[in-house]
Amino acid sequence: MFLDRPAFSISFPLESCLEEVERLIKSKRWTKFEVAEIKLIYAPFFFFNYYSYLEEKREDTDKAVVSDTAEGIMAMDAQTNVLDEGIAGLFQEEVPQTSHKPAQGYQFEVERALIGEKDAVKVAQIKMAKQLELPKENLLISGLKLVYVPIWVASVSVAEGTYKLEFNAVNGELMSEAEIPEREKGWLEVTGETLSELKEPGAWVRYTQSVGGNLFTVLQNNPLTQAVLSNKQLQILLLAVIAVWLFFNIR
């Protein structure tokens, strides 16, 4: 099978994508998760060169002359018409290889452009004019062409739900990150970390000082039980003390 337009070659393989997904999920403190699905999508983007200029009138001739110019490369999503500087960056560094032949060994989907090239030129001109805050007449769009960008779309399930992550299969950049919540630590984890910290010199003094002032204030107006229930630092300290006592006395 051949693609109707060229596509960038994959430099960020599936194995690397899986490693990055795992790293990202673990950074959110999730130890139990499932990668439900990873699929490869060829997404269409228009790449084009843009040239812009500013004019100013000369007092002596009262004619407008070009006072400044700018140029660059931009990419526009061929489905949403959204400009994407990150994708455009693929051409600003070392230009990736392209081919009409998709990557071997992967199942994939091909998304179709929802706008033709002639209309894309007009839309790109309007979009760039808005971004640069210039009249559209001060912009020239040239060299527009459609290229497929391979994207890994990963569905990840944790206790809170299922989330989608998208990675650029050319350079491995995270394109869109779902708001994956951080997992709250359990009491055993908090206690274990506290015990480890208490092995350090001076840790007991720091904990006692930080808790002592709060405890004195609370005990002035509330029973001891209320103080324990309302002060998380005190709870952690008490648990740590109990754990240390059990460690040295029940073996």
Protein backbone atom coordinates (compact mmCIF):
# COMPACT_ATOMS: atom_id res chain seq x y z
CA MET A 1 0.00 0.00 0.00
CA PHE A 2 1.19 3.50 -0.81
CA LEU A 3 0.04 6.82 0.64
CA ASP A 4 -1.42 9.43 -1.68
CA ARG A 5 0.96 12.04 -0.20
CA PRO A 6 4.44 11.71 1.30
CA ALA A 7 4.83 10.97 5.00
CA PHE A 8 7.69 11.57 7.42
CA SER A 9 9.66 8.48 8.38
CA ILE A 10 9.31 7.13 11.91
CA SER A 11 12.38 7.79 14.09
CA PHE A 12 10.57 7.25 17.41
CA PRO A 13 9.53 3.56 17.30
CA LEU A 14 6.78 1.81 19.22
CA GLU A 15 9.20 0.48 21.84
CA SER A 16 10.39 4.00 22.66
CA CYS A 17 6.78 5.16 22.85
CA LEU A 18 5.97 2.45 25.40
CA GLU A 19 8.98 3.44 27.51
CA GLU A 20 7.96 7.11 27.45
CA VAL A 21 4.36 6.26 28.37
CA GLU A 22 5.57 4.21 31.34
CA ARG A 23 7.93 6.98 32.46
CA LEU A 24 5.18 9.59 32.24
CA ILE A 25 2.63 7.51 34.16
CA LYS A 26 5.12 6.64 36.90
CA SER A 27 5.98 10.33 37.24
CA LYS A 28 2.35 10.74 38.32
CA ARG A 29 2.99 8.11 41.08
CA TRP A 30 0.84 5.44 39.44
CA THR A 31 2.30 1.97 39.97
CA LYS A 32 -0.66 0.06 38.57
CA PHE A 33 -1.74 1.02 35.07
CA GLU A 34 -2.58 -0.57 31.77
CA VAL A 35 -1.70 0.56 28.27
CA ALA A 36 -5.00 -0.35 26.65
CA GLU A 37 -4.02 0.51 23.09
CA ILE A 38 -1.36 2.24 21.01
CA LYS A 39 -2.20 3.00 17.42
CA LEU A 40 -0.33 4.73 14.62
CA ILE A 41 -2.08 7.56 12.81
CA TYR A 42 -0.90 9.43 9.74
CA ALA A 43 -2.20 12.96 10.29
CA PRO A 44 -2.27 15.44 7.38
CA PHE A 45 -0.53 18.79 7.76
CA PHE A 46 0.02 21.60 5.30
CA PHE A 47 3.57 22.98 5.34
CA PHE A 48 4.25 26.33 3.74
CA ASN A 49 6.63 29.28 3.58
CA TYR A 50 5.36 32.69 4.61
CA TYR A 51 6.73 36.13 3.87
CA SER A 52 5.49 39.26 5.60
CA TYR A 53 6.34 42.93 5.36
CA LEU A 54 5.61 46.27 6.97
CA GLU A 55 5.15 49.57 5.15
CA GLU A 56 5.57 53.19 6.17
CA LYS A 57 5.01 56.45 4.35
CA ARG A 58 7.90 58.76 3.56
CA GLU A 59 7.29 62.40 4.31
CA ASP A 60 9.15 63.60 1.23
CA THR A 61 7.21 61.49 -1.30
CA ASP A 62 4.10 60.54 0.67
CA LYS A 63 4.46 57.04 -0.75
CA ALA A 64 4.45 53.79 1.19
CA VAL A 65 7.73 51.89 1.21
CA VAL A 66 8.64 48.52 2.72
CA SER A 67 10.28 49.12 6.09
CA ASP A 68 10.68 45.59 7.44
CA THR A 69 10.32 41.96 6.30
CA ALA A 70 10.06 38.55 7.95
CA GLU A 71 9.83 34.99 6.73
CA GLY A 72 9.55 31.48 8.07
CA ILE A 73 8.02 28.02 7.84
CA MET A 74 4.69 27.11 9.37
CA ALA A 75 2.47 24.03 9.57
CA MET A 76 -1.32 23.93 9.60
CA ASP A 77 -3.46 20.97 10.63
CA ALA A 78 -5.36 19.93 7.50
CA GLN A 79 -8.36 18.85 9.57
CA THR A 80 -8.73 21.67 12.07
CA ASN A 81 -6.88 24.52 10.25
CA VAL A 82 -4.93 25.20 13.45
CA LEU A 83 -1.36 26.49 13.07
CA ASP A 84 1.21 24.28 14.76
CA GLU A 85 4.69 25.70 15.40
CA GLY A 86 5.83 22.44 16.99
CA ILE A 87 5.10 20.45 13.84
CA ALA A 88 6.62 23.23 11.71
CA GLY A 89 9.82 22.74 13.69
CA LEU A 90 10.34 19.43 11.90
CA PHE A 91 11.49 21.45 8.89
CA GLN A 92 13.46 24.02 10.83
CA GLU A 93 16.00 21.50 12.11
CA GLU A 94 17.26 18.59 10.03
CA VAL A 95 14.57 17.87 7.45
CA PRO A 96 13.21 14.33 8.04
CA GLN A 97 13.00 11.84 5.24
CA THR A 98 9.65 11.39 3.53
CA SER A 99 8.19 8.50 1.60
CA HIS A 100 4.90 7.44 0.08
CA LYS A 101 5.40 4.03 1.66
CA PRO A 102 4.11 3.68 5.25
CA ALA A 103 6.20 2.09 8.00
CA GLN A 104 6.40 -1.67 7.88
CA GLY A 105 5.13 -3.87 10.72
CA TYR A 106 2.55 -1.45 12.14
CA GLN A 107 -1.17 -1.23 11.68
CA PHE A 108 -2.15 2.34 10.96
CA GLU A 109 -4.95 4.73 10.10
CA VAL A 110 -4.78 7.54 7.57
CA GLU A 111 -6.69 10.71 8.33
CA ARG A 112 -7.85 12.75 5.37
CA ALA A 113 -7.49 16.47 4.81
CA LEU A 114 -10.77 18.34 5.11
CA ILE A 115 -9.67 21.24 2.94
CA GLY A 116 -8.10 21.50 -0.52
CA GLU A 117 -4.76 23.13 -1.27
CA LYS A 118 -6.25 26.19 -2.98
CA ASP A 119 -8.44 26.99 0.00
CA ALA A 120 -5.60 26.08 2.35
CA VAL A 121 -3.47 28.90 0.91
CA LYS A 122 -6.22 31.44 1.64
CA VAL A 123 -6.86 30.06 5.13
CA ALA A 124 -3.13 30.02 5.92
CA GLN A 125 -2.86 33.65 4.86
CA ILE A 126 -5.69 34.66 7.18
CA LYS A 127 -4.36 32.58 10.08
CA MET A 128 -0.83 34.00 9.75
CA ALA A 129 -2.17 37.54 9.44
CA LYS A 130 -3.97 37.11 12.73
CA GLN A 131 -0.95 35.58 14.44
CA LEU A 132 1.44 38.28 13.22
CA GLU A 133 -1.19 41.03 13.65
CA LEU A 134 -0.79 42.22 10.06
CA PRO A 135 -3.21 42.92 7.21
CA LYS A 136 -3.55 39.76 5.15
CA GLU A 137 -2.39 41.73 2.09
CA ASN A 138 1.01 42.01 3.81
CA LEU A 139 1.49 38.26 3.73
CA LEU A 140 2.57 35.93 0.96
CA ILE A 141 2.11 32.17 1.24
CA SER A 142 4.17 29.92 -1.03
CA GLY A 143 5.38 26.36 -1.41
CA LEU A 144 2.34 24.89 0.33
CA LYS A 145 2.27 21.10 0.33
CA LEU A 146 0.56 18.38 2.30
CA VAL A 147 2.65 15.86 4.26
CA TYR A 148 1.48 13.12 6.62
CA VAL A 149 2.94 13.22 10.15
CA PRO A 150 3.01 9.83 11.93
CA ILE A 151 1.60 10.07 15.46
CA TRP A 152 1.42 7.46 18.21
CA VAL A 153 -1.89 7.63 20.08
CA ALA A 154 -1.77 5.77 23.40
CA SER A 155 -4.77 4.98 25.61
CA VAL A 156 -3.71 4.49 29.23
CA SER A 157 -5.96 3.26 32.05
CA VAL A 158 -5.38 3.99 35.74
CA ALA A 159 -7.73 3.82 38.71
CA GLU A 160 -9.08 7.31 37.96
CA GLY A 161 -10.03 6.49 34.35
CA THR A 162 -8.69 6.19 30.80
CA TYR A 163 -6.56 8.92 29.24
CA LYS A 164 -5.11 9.58 25.78
CA LEU A 165 -1.52 10.59 25.03
CA GLU A 166 -0.19 11.61 21.62
CA PHE A 167 3.49 11.41 20.64
CA ASN A 168 5.14 12.67 17.48
CA ALA A 169 6.59 9.51 15.91
CA VAL A 170 9.26 11.57 14.13
CA ASN A 171 10.99 13.14 17.14
CA GLY A 172 9.20 11.63 20.16
CA GLU A 173 7.77 14.92 21.44
CA LEU A 174 4.58 14.76 23.50
CA MET A 175 1.97 16.52 21.37
CA SER A 176 -1.03 16.41 23.68
CA GLU A 177 -1.18 15.30 27.27
CA ALA A 178 -4.42 14.41 28.99
CA GLU A 179 -4.77 15.78 32.49
CA ILE A 180 -3.70 12.57 34.21
CA PRO A 181 -4.12 13.19 37.96
CA GLU A 182 -1.34 12.43 40.39
CA ARG A 183 -2.01 9.50 42.66
CA GLU A 184 -2.14 10.40 46.33
CA LYS A 185 0.27 8.49 48.50
CA GLY A 186 -1.15 5.92 50.91
CA TRP A 187 -0.42 5.86 54.63
CA LEU A 188 2.08 3.02 54.28
CA GLU A 189 4.04 4.97 51.68
CA VAL A 190 3.98 8.15 53.75
CA THR A 191 5.06 6.25 56.86
CA GLY A 192 7.82 4.47 54.97
CA GLU A 193 9.18 7.74 53.61
CA THR A 194 8.97 9.28 57.06
CA LEU A 195 10.92 6.40 58.57
CA SER A 196 13.59 6.76 55.92
CA GLU A 197 13.83 10.49 56.59
CA LEU A 198 14.02 9.97 60.34
CA LYS A 199 17.21 7.98 59.84
CA GLU A 200 18.91 11.23 58.83
CA PRO A 201 20.64 13.27 61.56
CA GLY A 202 18.54 16.16 62.76
CA ALA A 203 15.30 14.87 61.23
CA TRP A 204 13.69 14.28 64.63
CA VAL A 205 14.47 17.85 65.66
CA ARG A 206 12.91 19.27 62.48
CA TYR A 207 9.73 17.21 62.86
CA THR A 208 9.40 18.10 66.54
CA GLN A 209 9.85 21.81 65.89
CA SER A 210 7.40 21.91 62.97
CA VAL A 211 4.73 20.00 64.85
CA GLY A 212 5.31 21.43 68.31
CA GLY A 213 4.15 24.98 67.58
CA ASN A 214 0.99 23.80 65.83
CA LEU A 215 0.22 21.31 68.57
CA PHE A 216 0.57 23.94 71.31
CA THR A 217 -1.85 26.27 69.51
CA VAL A 218 -4.40 23.53 68.89
CA LEU A 219 -4.30 22.18 72.42
CA GLN A 220 -5.15 25.60 73.77
CA ASN A 221 -8.66 25.40 72.36
CA ASN A 222 -9.32 21.76 71.50
CA PRO A 223 -9.03 18.31 73.04
CA LEU A 224 -6.04 16.14 72.17
CA THR A 225 -8.15 13.98 69.89
CA GLN A 226 -9.09 16.98 67.77
CA ALA A 227 -5.46 17.97 67.54
CA VAL A 228 -4.47 14.57 66.18
CA LEU A 229 -7.33 14.47 63.68
CA SER A 230 -6.76 17.96 62.34
CA ASN A 231 -2.96 18.00 62.08
CA LYS A 232 -1.59 15.82 59.27
CA GLN A 233 2.02 16.42 60.29
CA LEU A 234 1.22 15.25 63.79
CA GLN A 235 -0.47 12.14 62.41
CA ILE A 236 2.60 11.31 60.35
CA LEU A 237 4.89 11.85 63.32
CA LEU A 238 2.80 9.64 65.60
CA LEU A 239 2.66 6.90 62.99
CA ALA A 240 6.41 7.12 62.58
CA VAL A 241 6.97 6.84 66.32
CA ILE A 242 4.68 3.80 66.50
CA ALA A 243 6.41 2.19 63.52
CA VAL A 244 9.85 2.75 65.06
CA TRP A 245 8.66 1.29 68.35
CA LEU A 246 7.26 -1.79 66.61
CA PHE A 247 10.46 -2.18 64.61
CA PHE A 248 12.66 -2.30 67.71
CA ASN A 249 10.30 -4.19 70.03
CA ILE A 250 8.51 -6.76 67.84
CA ARG A 251 11.10 -8.83 66.03
